N, C-alpha and C. Protein backbone atom coordinates (compact mmCIF):
# COMPACT_ATOMS: atom_id res chain seq x y z
N MET A 1 4.92 28.25 12.55
CA MET A 1 6.17 27.81 13.10
C MET A 1 7.30 28.49 12.34
N THR A 2 8.22 29.06 13.07
CA THR A 2 9.35 29.75 12.47
C THR A 2 10.59 28.88 12.61
N LEU A 3 11.30 28.75 11.51
CA LEU A 3 12.53 27.97 11.52
C LEU A 3 13.69 28.84 11.96
N THR A 4 14.51 28.30 12.82
CA THR A 4 15.71 29.01 13.22
C THR A 4 16.77 28.80 12.15
N ASP A 5 17.84 29.57 12.24
CA ASP A 5 18.95 29.40 11.29
C ASP A 5 19.54 28.00 11.40
N GLU A 6 19.60 27.49 12.63
CA GLU A 6 20.14 26.14 12.84
C GLU A 6 19.24 25.09 12.16
N ASP A 7 17.92 25.25 12.28
CA ASP A 7 16.99 24.33 11.62
C ASP A 7 17.17 24.38 10.11
N ARG A 8 17.31 25.58 9.56
CA ARG A 8 17.51 25.71 8.12
C ARG A 8 18.82 25.04 7.69
N ARG A 9 19.88 25.25 8.46
CA ARG A 9 21.17 24.63 8.14
C ARG A 9 21.06 23.11 8.14
N ARG A 10 20.39 22.56 9.16
CA ARG A 10 20.21 21.11 9.24
C ARG A 10 19.42 20.59 8.04
N TYR A 11 18.38 21.34 7.66
CA TYR A 11 17.57 20.93 6.50
C TYR A 11 18.41 20.91 5.23
N VAL A 12 19.23 21.94 5.03
CA VAL A 12 20.06 22.01 3.83
C VAL A 12 21.07 20.87 3.82
N VAL A 13 21.70 20.61 4.96
CA VAL A 13 22.68 19.53 5.04
C VAL A 13 22.01 18.19 4.76
N ALA A 14 20.84 17.95 5.38
CA ALA A 14 20.13 16.68 5.16
C ALA A 14 19.72 16.54 3.70
N SER A 15 19.27 17.63 3.08
CA SER A 15 18.87 17.58 1.68
C SER A 15 20.06 17.24 0.78
N ARG A 16 21.19 17.85 1.06
CA ARG A 16 22.39 17.58 0.25
C ARG A 16 22.84 16.13 0.42
N ARG A 17 22.76 15.62 1.64
CA ARG A 17 23.14 14.22 1.87
C ARG A 17 22.20 13.28 1.12
N SER A 18 20.89 13.58 1.18
CA SER A 18 19.92 12.74 0.47
C SER A 18 20.19 12.76 -1.03
N TRP A 19 20.46 13.95 -1.56
CA TRP A 19 20.74 14.07 -2.98
C TRP A 19 22.00 13.29 -3.35
N ALA A 20 23.01 13.38 -2.50
CA ALA A 20 24.26 12.66 -2.77
C ALA A 20 24.02 11.15 -2.75
N ARG A 21 23.21 10.67 -1.81
CA ARG A 21 22.89 9.23 -1.76
C ARG A 21 22.14 8.81 -3.02
N LEU A 22 21.22 9.63 -3.47
CA LEU A 22 20.48 9.30 -4.69
C LEU A 22 21.40 9.25 -5.90
N GLU A 23 22.29 10.21 -6.01
CA GLU A 23 23.24 10.23 -7.13
C GLU A 23 24.17 9.02 -7.08
N THR A 24 24.62 8.66 -5.89
CA THR A 24 25.48 7.48 -5.75
C THR A 24 24.74 6.23 -6.18
N ARG A 25 23.51 6.11 -5.74
CA ARG A 25 22.70 4.94 -6.11
C ARG A 25 22.45 4.90 -7.61
N ARG A 26 22.19 6.06 -8.21
CA ARG A 26 21.97 6.12 -9.66
C ARG A 26 23.22 5.67 -10.41
N ARG A 27 24.38 6.14 -9.96
CA ARG A 27 25.63 5.72 -10.59
C ARG A 27 25.86 4.23 -10.45
N GLU A 28 25.57 3.68 -9.26
CA GLU A 28 25.73 2.24 -9.04
C GLU A 28 24.81 1.45 -9.97
N LEU A 29 23.59 1.92 -10.12
CA LEU A 29 22.65 1.23 -11.02
C LEU A 29 23.11 1.32 -12.47
N ASP A 30 23.60 2.48 -12.88
CA ASP A 30 24.12 2.64 -14.24
C ASP A 30 25.27 1.68 -14.50
N GLU A 31 26.17 1.57 -13.53
CA GLU A 31 27.30 0.66 -13.68
C GLU A 31 26.84 -0.80 -13.72
N ALA A 32 25.89 -1.14 -12.87
CA ALA A 32 25.42 -2.53 -12.79
C ALA A 32 24.65 -2.93 -14.04
N THR A 33 23.92 -1.99 -14.63
CA THR A 33 23.09 -2.32 -15.79
C THR A 33 23.70 -1.88 -17.10
N GLY A 34 24.87 -1.28 -17.03
CA GLY A 34 25.49 -0.79 -18.25
C GLY A 34 24.73 0.39 -18.84
N GLY A 35 24.04 1.12 -18.00
CA GLY A 35 23.26 2.27 -18.46
C GLY A 35 21.91 1.91 -19.04
N HIS A 36 21.61 0.62 -19.08
CA HIS A 36 20.34 0.16 -19.64
C HIS A 36 19.26 0.23 -18.58
N VAL A 37 18.20 0.92 -18.89
CA VAL A 37 17.07 1.01 -17.97
C VAL A 37 16.09 -0.10 -18.32
N PRO A 38 15.76 -0.96 -17.36
CA PRO A 38 14.82 -2.04 -17.68
C PRO A 38 13.44 -1.50 -18.06
N ALA A 39 12.77 -2.23 -18.91
CA ALA A 39 11.43 -1.84 -19.34
C ALA A 39 10.46 -1.93 -18.17
N PRO A 40 9.49 -1.04 -18.12
CA PRO A 40 8.51 -1.12 -17.03
C PRO A 40 7.68 -2.39 -17.14
N ALA A 41 7.14 -2.78 -16.02
CA ALA A 41 6.29 -3.98 -16.01
C ALA A 41 5.05 -3.73 -16.85
N PRO A 42 4.56 -4.76 -17.52
CA PRO A 42 3.37 -4.58 -18.33
C PRO A 42 2.17 -4.27 -17.44
N PRO A 43 1.19 -3.56 -17.97
CA PRO A 43 0.01 -3.26 -17.16
C PRO A 43 -0.73 -4.55 -16.82
N PRO A 44 -1.45 -4.55 -15.73
CA PRO A 44 -2.17 -5.76 -15.36
C PRO A 44 -3.23 -6.11 -16.40
N SER A 45 -3.46 -7.37 -16.53
CA SER A 45 -4.48 -7.80 -17.48
C SER A 45 -5.86 -7.46 -16.92
N PRO A 46 -6.82 -7.23 -17.81
CA PRO A 46 -8.17 -6.93 -17.32
C PRO A 46 -8.71 -8.04 -16.42
N SER A 47 -8.31 -9.27 -16.69
CA SER A 47 -8.84 -10.36 -15.88
C SER A 47 -8.32 -10.28 -14.45
N GLU A 48 -7.08 -9.78 -14.28
CA GLU A 48 -6.54 -9.63 -12.93
C GLU A 48 -7.33 -8.58 -12.15
N THR A 49 -7.63 -7.48 -12.79
CA THR A 49 -8.42 -6.43 -12.15
C THR A 49 -9.81 -6.95 -11.83
N ASP A 50 -10.39 -7.70 -12.75
CA ASP A 50 -11.72 -8.28 -12.51
C ASP A 50 -11.69 -9.26 -11.35
N GLU A 51 -10.62 -10.04 -11.28
CA GLU A 51 -10.49 -11.01 -10.17
C GLU A 51 -10.38 -10.29 -8.84
N LEU A 52 -9.60 -9.21 -8.80
CA LEU A 52 -9.47 -8.44 -7.57
C LEU A 52 -10.81 -7.81 -7.17
N ALA A 53 -11.53 -7.30 -8.15
CA ALA A 53 -12.83 -6.69 -7.86
C ALA A 53 -13.81 -7.74 -7.33
N ALA A 54 -13.78 -8.93 -7.90
CA ALA A 54 -14.67 -10.00 -7.44
C ALA A 54 -14.30 -10.43 -6.02
N LEU A 55 -13.01 -10.54 -5.74
CA LEU A 55 -12.57 -10.90 -4.39
C LEU A 55 -12.96 -9.81 -3.40
N HIS A 56 -12.83 -8.56 -3.80
CA HIS A 56 -13.22 -7.43 -2.96
C HIS A 56 -14.70 -7.53 -2.60
N ALA A 57 -15.53 -7.77 -3.58
CA ALA A 57 -16.98 -7.88 -3.33
C ALA A 57 -17.28 -9.07 -2.42
N HIS A 58 -16.61 -10.17 -2.66
CA HIS A 58 -16.82 -11.37 -1.86
C HIS A 58 -16.45 -11.12 -0.39
N LEU A 59 -15.31 -10.47 -0.17
CA LEU A 59 -14.88 -10.19 1.20
C LEU A 59 -15.80 -9.19 1.89
N LEU A 60 -16.27 -8.18 1.16
CA LEU A 60 -17.22 -7.23 1.75
C LEU A 60 -18.49 -7.94 2.20
N LYS A 61 -18.99 -8.84 1.37
CA LYS A 61 -20.21 -9.58 1.72
C LYS A 61 -19.95 -10.46 2.95
N ALA A 62 -18.81 -11.14 2.97
CA ALA A 62 -18.49 -12.00 4.11
C ALA A 62 -18.37 -11.19 5.39
N GLN A 63 -17.75 -10.01 5.29
CA GLN A 63 -17.61 -9.17 6.48
C GLN A 63 -18.97 -8.68 6.96
N ARG A 64 -19.82 -8.23 6.04
CA ARG A 64 -21.18 -7.79 6.44
C ARG A 64 -21.96 -8.92 7.09
N ASP A 65 -21.88 -10.11 6.49
CA ASP A 65 -22.60 -11.26 7.06
C ASP A 65 -22.12 -11.58 8.46
N LEU A 66 -20.82 -11.51 8.67
CA LEU A 66 -20.26 -11.80 9.98
C LEU A 66 -20.68 -10.74 11.00
N ILE A 67 -20.68 -9.48 10.59
CA ILE A 67 -21.11 -8.41 11.50
C ILE A 67 -22.59 -8.57 11.84
N ARG A 68 -23.40 -8.87 10.84
CA ARG A 68 -24.83 -9.08 11.11
C ARG A 68 -25.07 -10.25 12.06
N ALA A 69 -24.31 -11.33 11.86
CA ALA A 69 -24.46 -12.50 12.73
C ALA A 69 -24.09 -12.17 14.17
N THR A 70 -23.04 -11.39 14.36
CA THR A 70 -22.64 -11.03 15.71
C THR A 70 -23.65 -10.07 16.32
N ALA A 71 -24.25 -9.21 15.50
CA ALA A 71 -25.26 -8.27 16.01
C ALA A 71 -26.52 -9.03 16.44
N ARG A 72 -26.90 -10.05 15.66
CA ARG A 72 -28.09 -10.85 16.01
C ARG A 72 -27.89 -11.64 17.29
N ALA A 73 -26.65 -11.95 17.63
CA ALA A 73 -26.38 -12.74 18.82
C ALA A 73 -26.77 -11.96 20.08
N GLY A 74 -26.75 -10.63 20.01
CA GLY A 74 -27.21 -9.83 21.14
C GLY A 74 -26.21 -9.75 22.29
N ALA A 75 -25.03 -10.26 22.11
CA ALA A 75 -24.02 -10.22 23.16
C ALA A 75 -22.71 -9.70 22.56
N MET A 76 -21.77 -9.48 23.43
CA MET A 76 -20.45 -9.05 22.96
C MET A 76 -19.86 -10.14 22.06
N PRO A 77 -19.39 -9.77 20.86
CA PRO A 77 -18.81 -10.78 19.96
C PRO A 77 -17.58 -11.41 20.59
N SER A 78 -17.33 -12.63 20.22
CA SER A 78 -16.15 -13.33 20.73
C SER A 78 -14.89 -12.70 20.14
N ASP A 79 -13.77 -12.95 20.79
CA ASP A 79 -12.49 -12.45 20.27
C ASP A 79 -12.23 -13.00 18.88
N ASN A 80 -12.61 -14.24 18.65
CA ASN A 80 -12.39 -14.86 17.35
C ASN A 80 -13.20 -14.14 16.27
N ALA A 81 -14.46 -13.80 16.58
CA ALA A 81 -15.29 -13.09 15.60
C ALA A 81 -14.72 -11.71 15.31
N LEU A 82 -14.29 -11.01 16.36
CA LEU A 82 -13.70 -9.69 16.16
C LEU A 82 -12.41 -9.78 15.34
N ARG A 83 -11.62 -10.80 15.59
CA ARG A 83 -10.38 -11.01 14.84
C ARG A 83 -10.68 -11.27 13.37
N LYS A 84 -11.70 -12.08 13.11
CA LYS A 84 -12.06 -12.37 11.72
C LYS A 84 -12.50 -11.09 11.00
N ILE A 85 -13.32 -10.29 11.68
CA ILE A 85 -13.80 -9.03 11.09
C ILE A 85 -12.61 -8.12 10.78
N ALA A 86 -11.67 -8.02 11.71
CA ALA A 86 -10.49 -7.18 11.50
C ALA A 86 -9.60 -7.72 10.39
N ASP A 87 -9.43 -9.03 10.33
CA ASP A 87 -8.62 -9.64 9.27
C ASP A 87 -9.23 -9.38 7.90
N ILE A 88 -10.54 -9.50 7.83
CA ILE A 88 -11.21 -9.24 6.55
C ILE A 88 -11.05 -7.77 6.17
N ALA A 89 -11.17 -6.86 7.15
CA ALA A 89 -11.00 -5.43 6.87
C ALA A 89 -9.60 -5.14 6.34
N ALA A 90 -8.59 -5.78 6.91
CA ALA A 90 -7.22 -5.59 6.44
C ALA A 90 -7.06 -6.09 5.01
N ALA A 91 -7.65 -7.24 4.71
CA ALA A 91 -7.57 -7.79 3.36
C ALA A 91 -8.29 -6.88 2.36
N ILE A 92 -9.44 -6.34 2.77
CA ILE A 92 -10.18 -5.43 1.90
C ILE A 92 -9.34 -4.19 1.60
N GLY A 93 -8.69 -3.66 2.62
CA GLY A 93 -7.82 -2.49 2.42
C GLY A 93 -6.67 -2.78 1.47
N ALA A 94 -6.08 -3.95 1.61
CA ALA A 94 -4.97 -4.32 0.72
C ALA A 94 -5.45 -4.46 -0.73
N ILE A 95 -6.59 -5.05 -0.91
CA ILE A 95 -7.13 -5.22 -2.26
C ILE A 95 -7.48 -3.87 -2.87
N GLU A 96 -8.06 -2.97 -2.07
CA GLU A 96 -8.38 -1.63 -2.58
C GLU A 96 -7.11 -0.91 -3.01
N THR A 97 -6.04 -1.06 -2.25
CA THR A 97 -4.77 -0.44 -2.61
C THR A 97 -4.24 -1.01 -3.91
N MET A 98 -4.33 -2.33 -4.07
CA MET A 98 -3.87 -2.96 -5.31
C MET A 98 -4.68 -2.45 -6.51
N ILE A 99 -5.97 -2.36 -6.34
CA ILE A 99 -6.83 -1.88 -7.45
C ILE A 99 -6.48 -0.44 -7.80
N GLU A 100 -6.27 0.41 -6.77
CA GLU A 100 -5.90 1.81 -7.03
C GLU A 100 -4.56 1.90 -7.74
N ASN A 101 -3.59 1.10 -7.31
CA ASN A 101 -2.28 1.11 -7.94
C ASN A 101 -2.35 0.66 -9.39
N GLN A 102 -3.19 -0.32 -9.66
CA GLN A 102 -3.34 -0.76 -11.05
C GLN A 102 -4.00 0.30 -11.90
N ALA A 103 -4.95 1.05 -11.31
CA ALA A 103 -5.62 2.10 -12.07
C ALA A 103 -4.66 3.23 -12.42
N ARG A 104 -3.70 3.50 -11.51
CA ARG A 104 -2.71 4.55 -11.77
C ARG A 104 -1.67 4.11 -12.79
N GLY A 105 -1.47 2.79 -12.86
CA GLY A 105 -0.49 2.27 -13.83
C GLY A 105 0.81 2.20 -13.24
């Protein structure tokens, strides 16, 4: 894909505006905090990570059990069963994201 001169100009203008907004926000934060940068949040405790890992394992087991039960039924799963499976999958994804974020610090 080749950028036209107009595309390049728009990109430069948008970049400058973004930079200006960031600088304005930085100045506002400096004024509001007196230039003091708050300390970063402490790392999560090992017990919190362990609790998340245990919940992750528990939800995976529950989801597998539910899928197996619907498979044994031999018919199309009910909307409620499908909803439960999807809800558990969403929770598992959220927990995995939390664990990854904690590992990154």
